[in-house]
C-alpha cells in the first residue's frame, strides 16, 4: 500500500471514530466481514464527508469498481453549446 492509501485510510479511521467509534485499519483491510460492517454503519449515518471517504477507501481496497457498469453502457448525447448573439453595448458614456 502506498503512502496516499495510508493517508486516506487514516483520514477515514479518524472521521469514523467521531461517529461510529473505534475503527481498526489493519482489520478493515484484512477482514471483509468487519469492513462490510464498518462501511454499512458509515452509510447509515448519512454524514457526507464520511460517505465520500468510505467510497474512496472501498475503491482503494478493490471492494468497489472505479467505474459504474451502467455508466459505461449508457449512450450519452453530446451537449450542444448555446448560441449567444453578440450585441453591441450602447449604454456607455461614449456610445
N, C-alpha and C. Protein backbone atom coordinates (compact mmCIF):
# COMPACT_ATOMS: atom_id res chain seq x y z
N UNK A 1 0.85 -1.17 0.00
CA UNK A 1 0.00 0.00 0.00
C UNK A 1 0.90 1.23 0.00
N UNK A 2 0.54 2.20 -0.83
CA UNK A 2 1.35 3.41 -0.93
C UNK A 2 0.99 4.42 0.16
N UNK A 3 1.73 5.49 0.21
CA UNK A 3 1.53 6.49 1.27
C UNK A 3 0.19 7.20 1.14
N UNK A 4 -0.27 7.42 -0.10
CA UNK A 4 -1.59 8.05 -0.28
C UNK A 4 -2.71 7.16 0.25
N UNK A 5 -2.56 5.86 0.07
CA UNK A 5 -3.55 4.92 0.59
C UNK A 5 -3.58 4.92 2.10
N UNK A 6 -2.40 4.99 2.71
CA UNK A 6 -2.35 5.03 4.18
C UNK A 6 -2.94 6.33 4.72
N UNK A 7 -2.69 7.42 4.02
CA UNK A 7 -3.26 8.70 4.44
C UNK A 7 -4.78 8.66 4.34
N UNK A 8 -5.29 8.12 3.26
CA UNK A 8 -6.74 8.01 3.08
C UNK A 8 -7.36 7.11 4.14
N UNK A 9 -6.71 5.99 4.42
CA UNK A 9 -7.21 5.07 5.44
C UNK A 9 -7.21 5.72 6.82
N UNK A 10 -6.18 6.49 7.13
CA UNK A 10 -6.14 7.15 8.44
C UNK A 10 -7.18 8.26 8.53
N UNK A 11 -7.43 8.99 7.43
CA UNK A 11 -8.48 10.00 7.43
C UNK A 11 -9.84 9.36 7.69
N UNK A 12 -10.08 8.23 7.05
CA UNK A 12 -11.34 7.53 7.26
C UNK A 12 -11.47 7.06 8.70
N UNK A 13 -10.41 6.50 9.24
CA UNK A 13 -10.43 6.00 10.61
C UNK A 13 -10.72 7.10 11.62
N UNK A 14 -10.09 8.25 11.43
CA UNK A 14 -10.29 9.37 12.35
C UNK A 14 -11.71 9.93 12.22
N UNK A 15 -12.19 10.07 10.98
CA UNK A 15 -13.54 10.58 10.78
C UNK A 15 -14.59 9.61 11.31
N UNK A 16 -14.35 8.33 11.11
CA UNK A 16 -15.30 7.32 11.58
C UNK A 16 -15.31 7.23 13.10
N UNK A 17 -14.17 7.48 13.72
CA UNK A 17 -14.08 7.41 15.18
C UNK A 17 -15.05 8.39 15.84
N UNK A 18 -15.22 9.57 15.23
CA UNK A 18 -16.14 10.57 15.77
C UNK A 18 -17.58 10.05 15.80
N UNK A 19 -17.99 9.34 14.76
CA UNK A 19 -19.39 8.97 14.59
C UNK A 19 -19.69 7.51 14.90
N UNK A 20 -18.82 6.62 14.49
CA UNK A 20 -19.07 5.18 14.65
C UNK A 20 -18.45 4.65 15.93
N UNK A 21 -17.26 5.07 16.20
CA UNK A 21 -16.47 4.53 17.29
C UNK A 21 -15.12 4.10 16.74
N UNK A 22 -14.39 3.37 17.51
CA UNK A 22 -13.05 2.96 17.11
C UNK A 22 -13.09 2.05 15.88
N UNK A 23 -12.22 2.35 14.90
CA UNK A 23 -12.10 1.56 13.68
C UNK A 23 -10.66 1.07 13.59
N UNK A 24 -10.48 -0.23 13.43
CA UNK A 24 -9.16 -0.83 13.31
C UNK A 24 -8.77 -0.88 11.83
N UNK A 25 -7.84 -0.04 11.37
CA UNK A 25 -7.48 -0.01 9.95
C UNK A 25 -6.90 -1.33 9.44
N UNK A 26 -6.09 -2.02 10.24
CA UNK A 26 -5.50 -3.29 9.81
C UNK A 26 -6.58 -4.34 9.61
N UNK A 27 -7.53 -4.37 10.52
CA UNK A 27 -8.64 -5.33 10.41
C UNK A 27 -9.56 -4.94 9.25
N UNK A 28 -9.68 -3.65 9.00
CA UNK A 28 -10.51 -3.17 7.91
C UNK A 28 -9.97 -3.67 6.57
N UNK A 29 -8.64 -3.74 6.45
CA UNK A 29 -8.01 -4.21 5.22
C UNK A 29 -8.14 -5.71 5.06
N UNK A 30 -7.96 -6.46 6.15
CA UNK A 30 -7.88 -7.92 6.05
C UNK A 30 -9.21 -8.65 6.19
N UNK A 31 -10.12 -8.16 7.03
CA UNK A 31 -11.37 -8.86 7.34
C UNK A 31 -12.52 -8.26 6.55
N UNK A 32 -13.05 -9.01 5.59
CA UNK A 32 -14.11 -8.48 4.73
C UNK A 32 -15.43 -8.29 5.48
N UNK A 33 -15.72 -9.16 6.44
CA UNK A 33 -16.95 -9.00 7.22
C UNK A 33 -16.89 -7.74 8.08
N UNK A 34 -15.75 -7.50 8.70
CA UNK A 34 -15.57 -6.31 9.53
C UNK A 34 -15.67 -5.06 8.68
N UNK A 35 -15.03 -5.07 7.51
CA UNK A 35 -15.07 -3.89 6.65
C UNK A 35 -16.49 -3.63 6.14
N UNK A 36 -17.22 -4.68 5.80
CA UNK A 36 -18.61 -4.51 5.35
C UNK A 36 -19.46 -3.90 6.46
N UNK A 37 -19.25 -4.34 7.69
CA UNK A 37 -19.99 -3.81 8.83
C UNK A 37 -19.66 -2.33 9.06
N UNK A 38 -18.39 -1.98 9.01
CA UNK A 38 -17.97 -0.59 9.24
C UNK A 38 -18.50 0.31 8.13
N UNK A 39 -18.39 -0.12 6.88
CA UNK A 39 -18.87 0.70 5.78
C UNK A 39 -20.39 0.84 5.82
N UNK A 40 -21.10 -0.21 6.22
CA UNK A 40 -22.55 -0.14 6.34
C UNK A 40 -22.94 0.90 7.39
N UNK A 41 -22.26 0.90 8.52
CA UNK A 41 -22.53 1.90 9.57
C UNK A 41 -22.25 3.31 9.05
N UNK A 42 -21.18 3.46 8.29
CA UNK A 42 -20.83 4.77 7.74
C UNK A 42 -21.92 5.28 6.81
N UNK A 43 -22.47 4.40 5.98
CA UNK A 43 -23.51 4.81 5.04
C UNK A 43 -24.83 5.10 5.76
N UNK A 44 -25.11 4.37 6.83
CA UNK A 44 -26.36 4.57 7.56
C UNK A 44 -26.38 5.91 8.29
N UNK A 45 -25.23 6.40 8.72
CA UNK A 45 -25.18 7.66 9.46
C UNK A 45 -25.51 8.86 8.58
N UNK A 46 -25.18 8.79 7.31
CA UNK A 46 -25.54 9.85 6.39
C UNK A 46 -24.62 11.06 6.39
N UNK A 47 -23.47 10.98 7.05
CA UNK A 47 -22.50 12.08 7.03
C UNK A 47 -21.80 12.07 5.67
N UNK A 48 -21.94 13.16 4.93
CA UNK A 48 -21.45 13.21 3.56
C UNK A 48 -19.94 13.00 3.46
N UNK A 49 -19.19 13.64 4.33
CA UNK A 49 -17.74 13.51 4.30
C UNK A 49 -17.31 12.06 4.57
N UNK A 50 -17.96 11.44 5.55
CA UNK A 50 -17.63 10.06 5.89
C UNK A 50 -18.01 9.11 4.76
N UNK A 51 -19.13 9.36 4.12
CA UNK A 51 -19.55 8.51 3.00
C UNK A 51 -18.56 8.62 1.84
N UNK A 52 -18.12 9.84 1.54
CA UNK A 52 -17.15 10.02 0.46
C UNK A 52 -15.83 9.33 0.77
N UNK A 53 -15.38 9.46 2.02
CA UNK A 53 -14.14 8.77 2.41
C UNK A 53 -14.32 7.25 2.34
N UNK A 54 -15.49 6.77 2.77
CA UNK A 54 -15.75 5.32 2.72
C UNK A 54 -15.72 4.81 1.30
N UNK A 55 -16.30 5.57 0.37
CA UNK A 55 -16.29 5.15 -1.03
C UNK A 55 -14.87 5.14 -1.59
N UNK A 56 -14.06 6.14 -1.22
CA UNK A 56 -12.68 6.18 -1.69
C UNK A 56 -11.87 5.02 -1.12
N UNK A 57 -12.08 4.69 0.15
CA UNK A 57 -11.36 3.58 0.77
C UNK A 57 -11.79 2.26 0.14
N UNK A 58 -13.09 2.11 -0.10
CA UNK A 58 -13.57 0.88 -0.73
C UNK A 58 -12.99 0.72 -2.13
N UNK A 59 -12.91 1.81 -2.87
CA UNK A 59 -12.32 1.76 -4.21
C UNK A 59 -10.84 1.41 -4.13
N UNK A 60 -10.15 2.01 -3.16
CA UNK A 60 -8.71 1.75 -2.99
C UNK A 60 -8.47 0.28 -2.63
N UNK A 61 -9.34 -0.29 -1.80
CA UNK A 61 -9.17 -1.68 -1.37
C UNK A 61 -9.67 -2.68 -2.41
N UNK A 62 -10.30 -2.18 -3.46
CA UNK A 62 -10.82 -3.07 -4.50
C UNK A 62 -12.18 -3.64 -4.18
N UNK A 63 -12.88 -3.06 -3.22
CA UNK A 63 -14.20 -3.54 -2.86
C UNK A 63 -15.28 -2.95 -3.76
N UNK A 64 -14.96 -1.87 -4.44
CA UNK A 64 -15.86 -1.23 -5.40
C UNK A 64 -15.14 -1.08 -6.73
N UNK A 65 -15.89 -1.11 -7.80
CA UNK A 65 -15.32 -0.82 -9.10
C UNK A 65 -15.18 0.68 -9.23
N UNK A 66 -14.13 1.14 -9.85
CA UNK A 66 -13.91 2.59 -10.03
C UNK A 66 -14.93 3.18 -10.99
N UNK A 67 -15.41 2.37 -11.96
CA UNK A 67 -16.42 2.85 -12.90
C UNK A 67 -17.68 2.03 -12.73
N UNK A 68 -18.79 2.69 -12.82
CA UNK A 68 -20.08 2.01 -12.70
C UNK A 68 -20.39 1.32 -14.02
N UNK A 69 -20.86 0.07 -14.01
CA UNK A 69 -21.15 -0.63 -15.26
C UNK A 69 -22.30 0.02 -16.02
N UNK A 70 -23.27 0.61 -15.33
CA UNK A 70 -24.39 1.24 -16.00
C UNK A 70 -23.93 2.48 -16.77
N UNK A 71 -22.96 3.18 -16.24
CA UNK A 71 -22.47 4.38 -16.90
C UNK A 71 -21.71 4.05 -18.18
N UNK A 72 -21.05 2.92 -18.22
CA UNK A 72 -20.26 2.57 -19.40
C UNK A 72 -21.13 2.08 -20.54
N UNK A 73 -22.32 1.53 -20.26
CA UNK A 73 -23.18 1.02 -21.31
C UNK A 73 -24.19 2.04 -21.78
N UNK A 74 -24.43 3.08 -21.02
CA UNK A 74 -25.41 4.09 -21.39
C UNK A 74 -24.87 4.97 -22.51
N UNK A 75 -25.76 5.32 -23.43
CA UNK A 75 -25.36 6.22 -24.51
C UNK A 75 -25.60 7.64 -24.04
N UNK A 76 -24.60 8.46 -24.22
CA UNK A 76 -24.67 9.84 -23.79
C UNK A 76 -24.68 10.74 -25.02
N UNK A 77 -25.69 11.60 -25.09
CA UNK A 77 -25.77 12.54 -26.20
C UNK A 77 -24.88 13.73 -25.91
N UNK A 78 -24.15 14.20 -26.91
CA UNK A 78 -23.29 15.37 -26.67
C UNK A 78 -24.13 16.61 -26.40
N UNK A 79 -23.61 17.47 -25.59
CA UNK A 79 -24.29 18.71 -25.25
C UNK A 79 -23.91 19.76 -26.27
N UNK A 80 -24.92 20.40 -26.86
CA UNK A 80 -24.66 21.44 -27.84
C UNK A 80 -24.52 22.77 -27.12
N UNK A 81 -23.48 23.52 -27.45
CA UNK A 81 -23.31 24.81 -26.78
C UNK A 81 -24.41 25.78 -27.21
N UNK A 82 -24.84 26.61 -26.29
CA UNK A 82 -25.87 27.59 -26.58
C UNK A 82 -25.29 28.68 -27.48
N UNK A 83 -26.08 29.11 -28.44
CA UNK A 83 -25.65 30.15 -29.35
C UNK A 83 -25.96 31.49 -28.68
N UNK A 84 -24.94 32.28 -28.50
CA UNK A 84 -25.08 33.59 -27.87
C UNK A 84 -24.81 34.65 -28.91
N UNK A 85 -25.79 35.50 -29.12
CA UNK A 85 -25.62 36.58 -30.08
C UNK A 85 -24.84 37.71 -29.42
N UNK A 86 -23.86 38.22 -30.15
CA UNK A 86 -23.10 39.35 -29.64
C UNK A 86 -23.85 40.62 -29.94
N UNK A 87 -24.13 41.39 -28.91
CA UNK A 87 -24.82 42.66 -29.10
C UNK A 87 -23.86 43.78 -28.77
N UNK A 88 -24.01 44.85 -29.47
CA UNK A 88 -23.16 45.99 -29.24
C UNK A 88 -23.67 46.72 -28.00
N UNK A 89 -22.75 47.04 -27.13
CA UNK A 89 -23.09 47.72 -25.88
C UNK A 89 -23.33 49.20 -26.20
N UNK A 90 -24.54 49.67 -25.92
CA UNK A 90 -24.94 51.02 -26.31
C UNK A 90 -25.20 51.94 -25.13
N UNK A 91 -24.88 51.55 -23.92
CA UNK A 91 -25.25 52.35 -22.76
C UNK A 91 -24.03 52.97 -22.07
N UNK A 92 -22.91 52.98 -22.70
CA UNK A 92 -21.71 53.56 -22.12
C UNK A 92 -21.65 55.07 -22.31
N UNK A 93 -20.65 55.68 -21.79
CA UNK A 93 -20.50 57.13 -21.88
C UNK A 93 -20.17 57.59 -23.29
N UNK A 94 -19.57 56.74 -24.10
CA UNK A 94 -19.12 57.16 -25.44
C UNK A 94 -19.94 56.55 -26.56
N UNK A 95 -21.07 55.99 -26.30
CA UNK A 95 -21.81 55.35 -27.39
C UNK A 95 -22.83 56.21 -28.01
